[in-house]
PDB file of N, CA and C in Angstrom:
ATOM      1  N   MET A   1     188.978 141.311 189.505  1.00  0.00           N
ATOM      2  CA  MET A   1     189.066 142.750 189.587  1.00  0.00           C
ATOM      3  C   MET A   1     188.278 143.368 188.485  1.00  0.00           C
ATOM      4  N   LYS A   2     187.534 144.395 188.862  1.00  0.00           N
ATOM      5  CA  LYS A   2     186.727 145.089 187.821  1.00  0.00           C
ATOM      6  C   LYS A   2     187.615 146.103 187.140  1.00  0.00           C
ATOM      7  N   SER A   3     187.354 146.271 185.870  1.00  0.00           N
ATOM      8  CA  SER A   3     188.090 147.261 185.079  1.00  0.00           C
ATOM      9  C   SER A   3     187.587 148.656 185.441  1.00  0.00           C
ATOM     10  N   ILE A   4     188.503 149.558 185.487  1.00  0.00           N
ATOM     11  CA  ILE A   4     188.084 150.954 185.769  1.00  0.00           C
ATOM     12  C   ILE A   4     187.339 151.476 184.554  1.00  0.00           C
ATOM     13  N   GLU A   5     186.093 151.911 184.771  1.00  0.00           N
ATOM     14  CA  GLU A   5     185.326 152.444 183.628  1.00  0.00           C
ATOM     15  C   GLU A   5     185.958 153.726 183.152  1.00  0.00           C
ATOM     16  N   ARG A   6     185.662 154.127 181.949  1.00  0.00           N
ATOM     17  CA  ARG A   6     186.303 155.267 181.261  1.00  0.00           C
ATOM     18  C   ARG A   6     186.189 156.556 182.137  1.00  0.00           C
ATOM     19  N   GLY A   7     185.008 156.846 182.640  1.00  0.00           N
ATOM     20  CA  GLY A   7     184.799 158.048 183.435  1.00  0.00           C
ATOM     21  C   GLY A   7     185.684 158.079 184.698  1.00  0.00           C
ATOM     22  N   ARG A   8     185.708 156.948 185.392  1.00  0.00           N
ATOM     23  CA  ARG A   8     186.516 156.857 186.638  1.00  0.00           C
ATOM     24  C   ARG A   8     188.032 156.945 186.258  1.00  0.00           C
ATOM     25  N   PHE A   9     188.393 156.393 185.105  1.00  0.00           N
ATOM     26  CA  PHE A   9     189.794 156.457 184.671  1.00  0.00           C
ATOM     27  C   PHE A   9     190.191 157.898 184.448  1.00  0.00           C
ATOM     28  N   LYS A  10     189.350 158.675 183.762  1.00  0.00           N
ATOM     29  CA  LYS A  10     189.606 160.087 183.490  1.00  0.00           C
ATOM     30  C   LYS A  10     189.723 160.876 184.788  1.00  0.00           C
ATOM     31  N   THR A  11     188.834 160.586 185.753  1.00  0.00           N
ATOM     32  CA  THR A  11     188.900 161.247 187.066  1.00  0.00           C
ATOM     33  C   THR A  11     190.162 160.914 187.784  1.00  0.00           C
ATOM     34  N   LEU A  12     190.545 159.645 187.795  1.00  0.00           N
ATOM     35  CA  LEU A  12     191.779 159.231 188.420  1.00  0.00           C
ATOM     36  C   LEU A  12     192.987 159.904 187.754  1.00  0.00           C
ATOM     37  N   GLU A  13     192.990 159.892 186.437  1.00  0.00           N
ATOM     38  CA  GLU A  13     194.102 160.500 185.702  1.00  0.00           C
ATOM     39  C   GLU A  13     194.216 162.001 186.085  1.00  0.00           C
ATOM     40  N   SER A  14     193.092 162.657 186.194  1.00  0.00           N
ATOM     41  CA  SER A  14     193.075 164.077 186.591  1.00  0.00           C
ATOM     42  C   SER A  14     193.603 164.259 188.010  1.00  0.00           C
ATOM     43  N   GLU A  15     193.160 163.421 188.963  1.00  0.00           N
ATOM     44  CA  GLU A  15     193.534 163.509 190.352  1.00  0.00           C
ATOM     45  C   GLU A  15     195.064 163.233 190.507  1.00  0.00           C
ATOM     46  N   LEU A  16     195.627 162.462 189.622  1.00  0.00           N
ATOM     47  CA  LEU A  16     197.014 162.102 189.703  1.00  0.00           C
ATOM     48  C   LEU A  16     197.946 163.048 188.944  1.00  0.00           C
ATOM     49  N   LYS A  17     197.390 163.957 188.224  1.00  0.00           N
ATOM     50  CA  LYS A  17     198.222 164.902 187.452  1.00  0.00           C
ATOM     51  C   LYS A  17     199.282 165.612 188.299  1.00  0.00           C
ATOM     52  N   PRO A  18     198.924 166.133 189.501  1.00  0.00           N
ATOM     53  CA  PRO A  18     199.958 166.817 190.280  1.00  0.00           C
ATOM     54  C   PRO A  18     201.093 165.846 190.760  1.00  0.00           C
ATOM     55  N   TYR A  19     200.838 164.561 190.740  1.00  0.00           N
ATOM     56  CA  TYR A  19     201.804 163.585 191.181  1.00  0.00           C
ATOM     57  C   TYR A  19     202.771 163.068 190.089  1.00  0.00           C
ATOM     58  N   ARG A  20     202.448 163.432 188.863  1.00  0.00           N
ATOM     59  CA  ARG A  20     203.183 162.850 187.717  1.00  0.00           C
ATOM     60  C   ARG A  20     204.718 163.032 187.809  1.00  0.00           C
ATOM     61  N   LYS A  21     205.096 164.293 188.138  1.00  0.00           N
ATOM     62  CA  LYS A  21     206.554 164.563 188.191  1.00  0.00           C
ATOM     63  C   LYS A  21     207.259 163.666 189.197  1.00  0.00           C
ATOM     64  N   ILE A  22     206.727 163.575 190.393  1.00  0.00           N
ATOM     65  CA  ILE A  22     207.364 162.780 191.436  1.00  0.00           C
ATOM     66  C   ILE A  22     207.284 161.301 191.100  1.00  0.00           C
ATOM     67  N   MET A  23     206.175 160.876 190.468  1.00  0.00           N
ATOM     68  CA  MET A  23     206.036 159.441 190.106  1.00  0.00           C
ATOM     69  C   MET A  23     207.063 159.106 189.030  1.00  0.00           C
ATOM     70  N   SER A  24     207.264 160.038 188.074  1.00  0.00           N
ATOM     71  CA  SER A  24     208.254 159.859 187.015  1.00  0.00           C
ATOM     72  C   SER A  24     209.645 159.784 187.623  1.00  0.00           C
ATOM     73  N   LYS A  25     209.991 160.611 188.590  1.00  0.00           N
ATOM     74  CA  LYS A  25     211.279 160.595 189.208  1.00  0.00           C
ATOM     75  C   LYS A  25     211.484 159.292 189.948  1.00  0.00           C
ATOM     76  N   ALA A  26     210.471 158.769 190.589  1.00  0.00           N
ATOM     77  CA  ALA A  26     210.596 157.501 191.311  1.00  0.00           C
ATOM     78  C   ALA A  26     210.862 156.361 190.310  1.00  0.00           C
ATOM     79  N   CYS A  27     210.177 156.379 189.176  1.00  0.00           N
ATOM     80  CA  CYS A  27     210.430 155.356 188.121  1.00  0.00           C
ATOM     81  C   CYS A  27     211.836 155.468 187.580  1.00  0.00           C
ATOM     82  N   ASP A  28     212.254 156.709 187.305  1.00  0.00           N
ATOM     83  CA  ASP A  28     213.593 156.945 186.792  1.00  0.00           C
ATOM     84  C   ASP A  28     214.629 156.423 187.740  1.00  0.00           C
ATOM     85  N   ALA A  29     214.463 156.644 189.023  1.00  0.00           N
ATOM     86  CA  ALA A  29     215.413 156.142 190.025  1.00  0.00           C
ATOM     87  C   ALA A  29     215.540 154.632 190.033  1.00  0.00           C
ATOM     88  N   ILE A  30     214.392 153.992 189.899  1.00  0.00           N
ATOM     89  CA  ILE A  30     214.382 152.517 189.815  1.00  0.00           C
ATOM     90  C   ILE A  30     215.138 152.031 188.589  1.00  0.00           C
ATOM     91  N   LEU A  31     214.865 152.639 187.492  1.00  0.00           N
ATOM     92  CA  LEU A  31     215.497 152.275 186.198  1.00  0.00           C
ATOM     93  C   LEU A  31     216.993 152.625 186.203  1.00  0.00           C
ATOM     94  N   GLU A  32     217.319 153.835 186.631  1.00  0.00           N
ATOM     95  CA  GLU A  32     218.776 154.271 186.568  1.00  0.00           C
ATOM     96  C   GLU A  32     219.628 153.479 187.544  1.00  0.00           C
ATOM     97  N   LYS A  33     219.089 153.133 188.687  1.00  0.00           N
ATOM     98  CA  LYS A  33     219.889 152.344 189.679  1.00  0.00           C
ATOM     99  C   LYS A  33     219.825 150.830 189.374  1.00  0.00           C
ATOM    100  N   GLU A  34     219.174 150.539 188.259  1.00  0.00           N
ATOM    101  CA  GLU A  34     219.063 149.122 187.792  1.00  0.00           C
ATOM    102  C   GLU A  34     218.438 148.209 188.872  1.00  0.00           C
ATOM    103  N   VAL A  35     217.488 148.772 189.627  1.00  0.00           N
ATOM    104  CA  VAL A  35     216.770 147.978 190.634  1.00  0.00           C
ATOM    105  C   VAL A  35     215.850 147.014 189.876  1.00  0.00           C
ATOM    106  N   SER A  36     215.212 147.506 188.825  1.00  0.00           N
ATOM    107  CA  SER A  36     214.262 146.714 188.018  1.00  0.00           C
ATOM    108  C   SER A  36     214.046 147.395 186.671  1.00  0.00           C
ATOM    109  N   ASP A  37     213.682 146.592 185.690  1.00  0.00           N
ATOM    110  CA  ASP A  37     213.231 147.145 184.415  1.00  0.00           C
ATOM    111  C   ASP A  37     211.726 147.338 184.437  1.00  0.00           C
ATOM    112  N   TYR A  38     211.066 147.014 185.546  1.00  0.00           N
ATOM    113  CA  TYR A  38     209.588 147.065 185.633  1.00  0.00           C
ATOM    114  C   TYR A  38     209.136 147.783 186.848  1.00  0.00           C
ATOM    115  N   PRO A  39     209.314 149.127 186.925  1.00  0.00           N
ATOM    116  CA  PRO A  39     208.839 149.835 188.091  1.00  0.00           C
ATOM    117  C   PRO A  39     207.309 149.863 188.083  1.00  0.00           C
ATOM    118  N   ILE A  40     206.733 149.776 189.293  1.00  0.00           N
ATOM    119  CA  ILE A  40     205.291 149.817 189.495  1.00  0.00           C
ATOM    120  C   ILE A  40     205.043 150.818 190.608  1.00  0.00           C
ATOM    121  N   LEU A  41     204.093 151.724 190.357  1.00  0.00           N
ATOM    122  CA  LEU A  41     203.694 152.696 191.376  1.00  0.00           C
ATOM    123  C   LEU A  41     202.383 152.245 192.014  1.00  0.00           C
ATOM    124  N   VAL A  42     202.415 152.055 193.297  1.00  0.00           N
ATOM    125  CA  VAL A  42     201.200 151.626 194.035  1.00  0.00           C
ATOM    126  C   VAL A  42     200.474 152.913 194.489  1.00  0.00           C
ATOM    127  N   VAL A  43     199.275 153.108 193.973  1.00  0.00           N
ATOM    128  CA  VAL A  43     198.470 154.292 194.254  1.00  0.00           C
ATOM    129  C   VAL A  43     197.348 153.836 195.177  1.00  0.00           C
ATOM    130  N   HIS A  44     197.249 154.456 196.354  1.00  0.00           N
ATOM    131  CA  HIS A  44     196.325 153.967 197.381  1.00  0.00           C
ATOM    132  C   HIS A  44     195.822 155.027 198.273  1.00  0.00           C
ATOM    133  N   GLN A  45     194.756 154.735 198.999  1.00  0.00           N
ATOM    134  CA  GLN A  45     194.210 155.685 199.964  1.00  0.00           C
ATOM    135  C   GLN A  45     194.183 155.144 201.392  1.00  0.00           C
ATOM    136  N   GLN A  46     194.655 153.947 201.580  1.00  0.00           N
ATOM    137  CA  GLN A  46     194.787 153.373 202.926  1.00  0.00           C
ATOM    138  C   GLN A  46     196.185 152.859 203.112  1.00  0.00           C
ATOM    139  N   GLN A  47     196.483 152.350 204.324  1.00  0.00           N
ATOM    140  CA  GLN A  47     197.825 151.857 204.592  1.00  0.00           C
ATOM    141  C   GLN A  47     198.084 150.609 203.794  1.00  0.00           C
ATOM    142  N   ILE A  48     199.266 150.573 203.162  1.00  0.00           N
ATOM    143  CA  ILE A  48     199.679 149.439 202.378  1.00  0.00           C
ATOM    144  C   ILE A  48     201.085 149.104 202.642  1.00  0.00           C
ATOM    145  N   GLU A  49     201.404 147.820 202.842  1.00  0.00           N
ATOM    146  CA  GLU A  49     202.723 147.351 203.118  1.00  0.00           C
ATOM    147  C   GLU A  49     203.318 146.841 201.808  1.00  0.00           C
ATOM    148  N   LEU A  50     203.583 147.729 200.920  1.00  0.00           N
ATOM    149  CA  LEU A  50     204.068 147.358 199.586  1.00  0.00           C
ATOM    150  C   LEU A  50     204.859 148.519 198.988  1.00  0.00           C
ATOM    151  N   GLY A  51     206.099 148.284 198.664  1.00  0.00           N
ATOM    152  CA  GLY A  51     206.905 149.312 198.086  1.00  0.00           C
ATOM    153  C   GLY A  51     207.442 150.294 199.123  1.00  0.00           C
ATOM    154  N   ILE A  52     208.051 151.361 198.579  1.00  0.00           N
ATOM    155  CA  ILE A  52     208.620 152.402 199.427  1.00  0.00           C
ATOM    156  C   ILE A  52     207.786 153.644 199.255  1.00  0.00           C
ATOM    157  N   PRO A  53     207.362 154.268 200.352  1.00  0.00           N
ATOM    158  CA  PRO A  53     206.496 155.482 200.257  1.00  0.00           C
ATOM    159  C   PRO A  53     207.239 156.599 199.498  1.00  0.00           C
ATOM    160  N   VAL A  54     206.510 157.204 198.565  1.00  0.00           N
ATOM    161  CA  VAL A  54     207.017 158.321 197.752  1.00  0.00           C
ATOM    162  C   VAL A  54     206.168 159.566 198.097  1.00  0.00           C
ATOM    163  N   VAL A  55     204.851 159.385 198.192  1.00  0.00           N
ATOM    164  CA  VAL A  55     203.974 160.472 198.522  1.00  0.00           C
ATOM    165  C   VAL A  55     203.001 159.992 199.596  1.00  0.00           C
ATOM    166  N   ASP A  56     202.858 160.748 200.689  1.00  0.00           N
ATOM    167  CA  ASP A  56     201.851 160.429 201.707  1.00  0.00           C
ATOM    168  C   ASP A  56     200.736 161.423 201.534  1.00  0.00           C
ATOM    169  N   ARG A  57     199.500 160.943 201.326  1.00  0.00           N
ATOM    170  CA  ARG A  57     198.383 161.877 201.076  1.00  0.00           C
ATOM    171  C   ARG A  57     198.168 162.833 202.209  1.00  0.00           C
ATOM    172  N   LYS A  58     198.662 162.547 203.399  1.00  0.00           N
ATOM    173  CA  LYS A  58     198.503 163.488 204.522  1.00  0.00           C
ATOM    174  C   LYS A  58     199.375 164.720 204.328  1.00  0.00           C
ATOM    175  N   ASP A  59     200.429 164.571 203.482  1.00  0.00           N
ATOM    176  CA  ASP A  59     201.391 165.662 203.298  1.00  0.00           C
ATOM    177  C   ASP A  59     201.167 166.464 201.995  1.00  0.00           C
ATOM    178  N   VAL A  60     200.153 166.086 201.203  1.00  0.00           N
ATOM    179  CA  VAL A  60     199.830 166.773 199.949  1.00  0.00           C
ATOM    180  C   VAL A  60     198.384 167.181 199.936  1.00  0.00           C
ATOM    181  N   LYS A  61     198.026 167.959 198.960  1.00  0.00           N
ATOM    182  CA  LYS A  61     196.621 168.397 198.786  1.00  0.00           C
ATOM    183  C   LYS A  61     195.753 167.282 198.196  1.00  0.00           C
ATOM    184  N   GLY A  62     196.374 166.310 197.559  1.00  0.00           N
ATOM    185  CA  GLY A  62     195.638 165.249 196.902  1.00  0.00           C
ATOM    186  C   GLY A  62     195.109 164.191 197.904  1.00  0.00           C
ATOM    187  N   SER A  63     194.347 163.261 197.358  1.00  0.00           N
ATOM    188  CA  SER A  63     193.756 162.232 198.264  1.00  0.00           C
ATOM    189  C   SER A  63     194.423 160.865 198.064  1.00  0.00           C
ATOM    190  N   TRP A  64     195.542 160.835 197.346  1.00  0.00           N
ATOM    191  CA  TRP A  64     196.177 159.530 197.066  1.00  0.00           C
ATOM    192  C   TRP A  64     197.626 159.513 197.661  1.00  0.00           C
ATOM    193  N   SER A  65     198.025 158.365 198.150  1.00  0.00           N
ATOM    194  CA  SER A  65     199.397 158.090 198.501  1.00  0.00           C
ATOM    195  C   SER A  65     200.004 157.251 197.388  1.00  0.00           C
ATOM    196  N   VAL A  66     201.329 157.348 197.264  1.00  0.00           N
ATOM    197  CA  VAL A  66     201.989 156.632 196.210  1.00  0.00           C
ATOM    198  C   VAL A  66     203.238 155.946 196.812  1.00  0.00           C
ATOM    199  N   ASN A  67     203.384 154.694 196.511  1.00  0.00           N
ATOM    200  CA  ASN A  67     204.581 153.915 196.891  1.00  0.00           C
ATOM    201  C   ASN A  67     205.254 153.406 195.608  1.00  0.00           C
ATOM    202  N   ALA A  68     206.579 153.360 195.622  1.00  0.00           N
ATOM    203  CA  ALA A  68     207.324 152.841 194.492  1.00  0.00           C
ATOM    204  C   ALA A  68     207.616 151.368 194.760  1.00  0.00           C
ATOM    205  N   SER A  69     207.358 150.522 193.770  1.00  0.00           N
ATOM    206  CA  SER A  69     207.617 149.124 193.882  1.00  0.00           C
ATOM    207  C   SER A  69     208.147 148.600 192.511  1.00  0.00           C
ATOM    208  N   THR A  70     208.261 147.266 192.435  1.00  0.00           N
ATOM    209  CA  THR A  70     208.776 146.664 191.236  1.00  0.00           C
ATOM    210  C   THR A  70     208.031 145.348 190.945  1.00  0.00           C
ATOM    211  N   LEU A  71     208.177 144.860 189.760  1.00  0.00           N
ATOM    212  CA  LEU A  71     207.640 143.568 189.404  1.00  0.00           C
ATOM    213  C   LEU A  71     208.189 142.482 190.339  1.00  0.00           C
ATOM    214  N   GLU A  72     209.465 142.605 190.636  1.00  0.00           N
ATOM    215  CA  GLU A  72     210.142 141.578 191.505  1.00  0.00           C
ATOM    216  C   GLU A  72     209.493 141.555 192.903  1.00  0.00           C
ATOM    217  N   GLU A  73     209.131 142.686 193.448  1.00  0.00           N
ATOM    218  CA  GLU A  73     208.471 142.706 194.789  1.00  0.00           C
ATOM    219  C   GLU A  73     207.081 142.077 194.640  1.00  0.00           C
ATOM    220  N   PHE A  74     206.363 142.407 193.566  1.00  0.00           N
ATOM    221  CA  PHE A  74     205.037 141.854 193.369  1.00  0.00           C
ATOM    222  C   PHE A  74     205.143 140.308 193.236  1.00  0.00           C
ATOM    223  N   ALA A  75     206.140 139.831 192.570  1.00  0.00           N
ATOM    224  CA  ALA A  75     206.318 138.388 192.396  1.00  0.00           C
ATOM    225  C   ALA A  75     206.712 137.749 193.751  1.00  0.00           C
ATOM    226  N   MET A  76     207.604 138.378 194.501  1.00  0.00           N
ATOM    227  CA  MET A  76     208.056 137.902 195.778  1.00  0.00           C
ATOM    228  C   MET A  76     206.871 137.753 196.765  1.00  0.00           C
ATOM    229  N   LYS A  77     205.984 138.777 196.708  1.00  0.00           N
ATOM    230  CA  LYS A  77     204.849 138.758 197.617  1.00  0.00           C
ATOM    231  C   LYS A  77     203.635 137.998 197.012  1.00  0.00           C
ATOM    232  N   GLN A  78     203.877 137.377 195.851  1.00  0.00           N
ATOM    233  CA  GLN A  78     202.883 136.598 195.139  1.00  0.00           C
ATOM    234  C   GLN A  78     201.630 137.353 194.757  1.00  0.00           C
ATOM    235  N   LEU A  79     201.786 138.682 194.538  1.00  0.00           N
ATOM    236  CA  LEU A  79     200.664 139.428 193.973  1.00  0.00           C
ATOM    237  C   LEU A  79     200.573 139.201 192.481  1.00  0.00           C
ATOM    238  N   ILE A  80     201.685 138.848 191.857  1.00  0.00           N
ATOM    239  CA  ILE A  80     201.744 138.325 190.498  1.00  0.00           C
ATOM    240  C   ILE A  80     202.356 136.936 190.612  1.00  0.00           C
ATOM    241  N   LYS A  81     201.567 135.941 190.195  1.00  0.00           N
ATOM    242  CA  LYS A  81     202.034 134.556 190.292  1.00  0.00           C
ATOM    243  C   LYS A  81     203.181 134.330 189.341  1.00  0.00           C
ATOM    244  N   THR A  82     204.103 133.428 189.702  1.00  0.00           N
ATOM    245  CA  THR A  82     205.275 133.121 188.929  1.00  0.00           C
ATOM    246  C   THR A  82     204.935 132.796 187.477  1.00  0.00           C
ATOM    247  N   ASP A  83     203.863 132.015 187.275  1.00  0.00           N
ATOM    248  CA  ASP A  83     203.474 131.630 185.923  1.00  0.00           C
ATOM    249  C   ASP A  83     202.846 132.776 185.131  1.00  0.00           C
ATOM    250  N   LYS A  84     202.609 133.907 185.741  1.00  0.00           N
ATOM    251  CA  LYS A  84     201.956 135.046 185.083  1.00  0.00           C
ATOM    252  C   LYS A  84     202.981 136.184 184.814  1.00  0.00           C
ATOM    253  N   ILE A  85     204.212 136.018 185.265  1.00  0.00           N
ATOM    254  CA  ILE A  85     205.212 137.090 185.083  1.00  0.00           C
ATOM    255  C   ILE A  85     205.447 137.446 183.615  1.00  0.00           C
ATOM    256  N   GLU A  86     205.596 136.386 182.794  1.00  0.00           N
ATOM    257  CA  GLU A  86     205.829 136.666 181.340  1.00  0.00           C
ATOM    258  C   GLU A  86     204.635 137.363 180.704  1.00  0.00           C
ATOM    259  N   ASP A  87     203.387 137.007 181.122  1.00  0.00           N
ATOM    260  CA  ASP A  87     202.225 137.676 180.627  1.00  0.00           C
ATOM    261  C   ASP A  87     202.243 139.137 181.039  1.00  0.00           C
ATOM    262  N   PHE A  88     202.606 139.442 182.233  1.00  0.00           N
ATOM    263  CA  PHE A  88     202.700 140.829 182.724  1.00  0.00           C
ATOM    264  C   PHE A  88     203.771 141.563 181.913  1.00  0.00           C
ATOM    265  N   GLN A  89     204.940 140.946 181.740  1.00  0.00           N
ATOM    266  CA  GLN A  89     206.005 141.573 180.970  1.00  0.00           C
ATOM    267  C   GLN A  89     205.615 141.901 179.550  1.00  0.00           C
ATOM    268  N   SER A  90     204.742 141.055 178.940  1.00  0.00           N
ATOM    269  CA  SER A  90     204.362 141.263 177.569  1.00  0.00           C
ATOM    270  C   SER A  90     203.365 142.407 177.399  1.00  0.00           C
ATOM    271  N   ILE A  91     202.639 142.772 178.441  1.00  0.00           N
ATOM    272  CA  ILE A  91     201.696 143.887 178.354  1.00  0.00           C
ATOM    273  C   ILE A  91     202.302 145.210 178.963  1.00  0.00           C
ATOM    274  N   TYR A  92     203.404 145.064 179.661  1.00  0.00           N
ATOM    275  CA  TYR A  92     204.039 146.200 180.317  1.00  0.00           C
ATOM    276  C   TYR A  92     204.491 147.223 179.289  1.00  0.00           C
ATOM    277  N   LYS A  93     204.129 148.447 179.437  1.00  0.00           N
ATOM    278  CA  LYS A  93     204.461 149.512 178.481  1.00  0.00           C
ATOM    279  C   LYS A  93     205.767 150.146 178.845  1.00  0.00           C
ATOM    280  N   ASP A  94     206.445 150.680 177.823  1.00  0.00           N
ATOM    281  CA  ASP A  94     207.766 151.317 177.998  1.00  0.00           C
ATOM    282  C   ASP A  94     207.746 152.315 179.131  1.00  0.00           C
ATOM    283  N   PRO A  95     208.536 152.102 180.190  1.00  0.00           N
ATOM    284  CA  PRO A  95     208.521 152.965 181.322  1.00  0.00           C
ATOM    285  C   PRO A  95     209.126 154.345 181.087  1.00  0.00           C
ATOM    286  N   ASN A  96     209.764 154.547 179.912  1.00  0.00           N
ATOM    287  CA  ASN A  96     210.244 155.881 179.557  1.00  0.00           C
ATOM    288  C   ASN A  96     209.082 156.778 179.036  1.00  0.00           C
ATOM    289  N   HIS A  97     207.960 156.140 178.680  1.00  0.00           N
ATOM    290  CA  HIS A  97     206.842 156.855 178.136  1.00  0.00           C
ATOM    291  C   HIS A  97     205.555 156.689 178.951  1.00  0.00           C
ATOM    292  N   HIS A  98     205.476 155.644 179.753  1.00  0.00           N
ATOM    293  CA  HIS A  98     204.265 155.350 180.521  1.00  0.00           C
ATOM    294  C   HIS A  98     204.615 155.043 181.999  1.00  0.00           C
ATOM    295  N   LEU A  99     203.666 155.294 182.858  1.00  0.00           N
ATOM    296  CA  LEU A  99     203.773 154.925 184.289  1.00  0.00           C
ATOM    297  C   LEU A  99     202.843 153.759 184.490  1.00  0.00           C
ATOM    298  N   CYS A 100     203.364 152.703 185.118  1.00  0.00           N
ATOM    299  CA  CYS A 100     202.570 151.553 185.494  1.00  0.00           C
ATOM    300  C   CYS A 100     202.048 151.758 186.899  1.00  0.00           C
ATOM    301  N   LEU A 101     200.740 151.824 187.038  1.00  0.00           N
ATOM    302  CA  LEU A 101     200.119 152.060 188.330  1.00  0.00           C
ATOM    303  C   LEU A 101     199.350 150.825 188.789  1.00  0.00           C
ATOM    304  N   PHE A 102     199.507 150.495 190.019  1.00  0.00           N
ATOM    305  CA  PHE A 102     198.676 149.475 190.677  1.00  0.00           C
ATOM    306  C   PHE A 102     197.768 150.277 191.599  1.00  0.00           C
ATOM    307  N   VAL A 103     196.499 150.478 191.168  1.00  0.00           N
ATOM    308  CA  VAL A 103     195.554 151.317 191.880  1.00  0.00           C
ATOM    309  C   VAL A 103     194.755 150.470 192.814  1.00  0.00           C
ATOM    310  N   VAL A 104     194.810 150.818 194.134  1.00  0.00           N
ATOM    311  CA  VAL A 104     194.053 150.150 195.171  1.00  0.00           C
ATOM    312  C   VAL A 104     192.990 151.105 195.666  1.00  0.00           C
ATOM    313  N   SER A 105     191.696 150.807 195.487  1.00  0.00           N
ATOM    314  CA  SER A 105     190.661 151.682 195.925  1.00  0.00           C
ATOM    315  C   SER A 105     189.501 150.851 196.476  1.00  0.00           C
ATOM    316  N   GLU A 106     188.420 151.533 196.793  1.00  0.00           N
ATOM    317  CA  GLU A 106     187.255 150.842 197.298  1.00  0.00           C
ATOM    318  C   GLU A 106     186.695 149.859 196.255  1.00  0.00           C
ATOM    319  N   LEU A 107     187.030 150.038 194.963  1.00  0.00           N
ATOM    320  CA  LEU A 107     186.535 149.167 193.913  1.00  0.00           C
ATOM    321  C   LEU A 107     187.406 147.911 193.725  1.00  0.00           C
ATOM    322  N   GLY A 108     188.501 147.822 194.485  1.00  0.00           N
ATOM    323  CA  GLY A 108     189.405 146.706 194.365  1.00  0.00           C
ATOM    324  C   GLY A 108     190.803 147.225 193.930  1.00  0.00           C
ATOM    325  N   ALA A 109     191.506 146.400 193.181  1.00  0.00           N
ATOM    326  CA  ALA A 109     192.838 146.769 192.759  1.00  0.00           C
ATOM    327  C   ALA A 109     193.043 146.312 191.333  1.00  0.00           C
ATOM    328  N   GLN A 110     193.761 147.158 190.560  1.00  0.00           N
ATOM    329  CA  GLN A 110     194.061 146.808 189.194  1.00  0.00           C
ATOM    330  C   GLN A 110     195.241 147.617 188.659  1.00  0.00           C
ATOM    331  N   PHE A 111     195.868 147.071 187.649  1.00  0.00           N
ATOM    332  CA  PHE A 111     196.961 147.751 186.957  1.00  0.00           C
ATOM    333  C   PHE A 111     196.388 148.641 185.866  1.00  0.00           C
ATOM    334  N   ILE A 112     196.946 149.856 185.739  1.00  0.00           N
ATOM    335  CA  ILE A 112     196.612 150.702 184.636  1.00  0.00           C
ATOM    336  C   ILE A 112     197.954 151.391 184.187  1.00  0.00           C
ATOM    337  N   PHE A 113     197.974 151.830 182.955  1.00  0.00           N
ATOM    338  CA  PHE A 113     199.131 152.572 182.432  1.00  0.00           C
ATOM    339  C   PHE A 113     198.669 153.957 182.024  1.00  0.00           C
ATOM    340  N   ILE A 114     199.439 154.959 182.429  1.00  0.00           N
ATOM    341  CA  ILE A 114     199.120 156.315 181.983  1.00  0.00           C
ATOM    342  C   ILE A 114     200.377 156.919 181.326  1.00  0.00           C
ATOM    343  N   ASN A 115     200.180 157.852 180.428  1.00  0.00           N
ATOM    344  CA  ASN A 115     201.307 158.548 179.827  1.00  0.00           C
ATOM    345  C   ASN A 115     202.015 159.393 180.890  1.00  0.00           C
ATOM    346  N   ARG A 116     203.322 159.458 180.716  1.00  0.00           N
ATOM    347  CA  ARG A 116     204.127 160.253 181.657  1.00  0.00           C
ATOM    348  C   ARG A 116     203.804 161.738 181.631  1.00  0.00           C
ATOM    349  N   GLU A 117     203.501 162.332 180.477  1.00  0.00           N
ATOM    350  CA  GLU A 117     203.223 163.767 180.411  1.00  0.00           C
ATOM    351  C   GLU A 117     201.978 164.138 181.167  1.00  0.00           C
TER     352      GLU A 117
END
């Protein structure tokens, strides 16, 4: 997977700004209901069978859809291999301050973290 270059990251961050509140609420629900300590938001522009739909791009002015998922689902579907779970947990940022995004685009897919504000 290619790393998102700085310019594209800033563009993505800007495009996702209107989604922050709902993404934060989805993460809070996962944490508060003790579903997982590792919420992951799947940000995509095509159909994806991963997580629970939170935002459908057809229903908003933005061009991204968002699904709420967890590390456990990623492990179950082998998107994160069992022997890499601890590595992922070690880089995972505090979900009270950051959103963990799995961004799927024409460039591929990768994890990024953005501040909640």
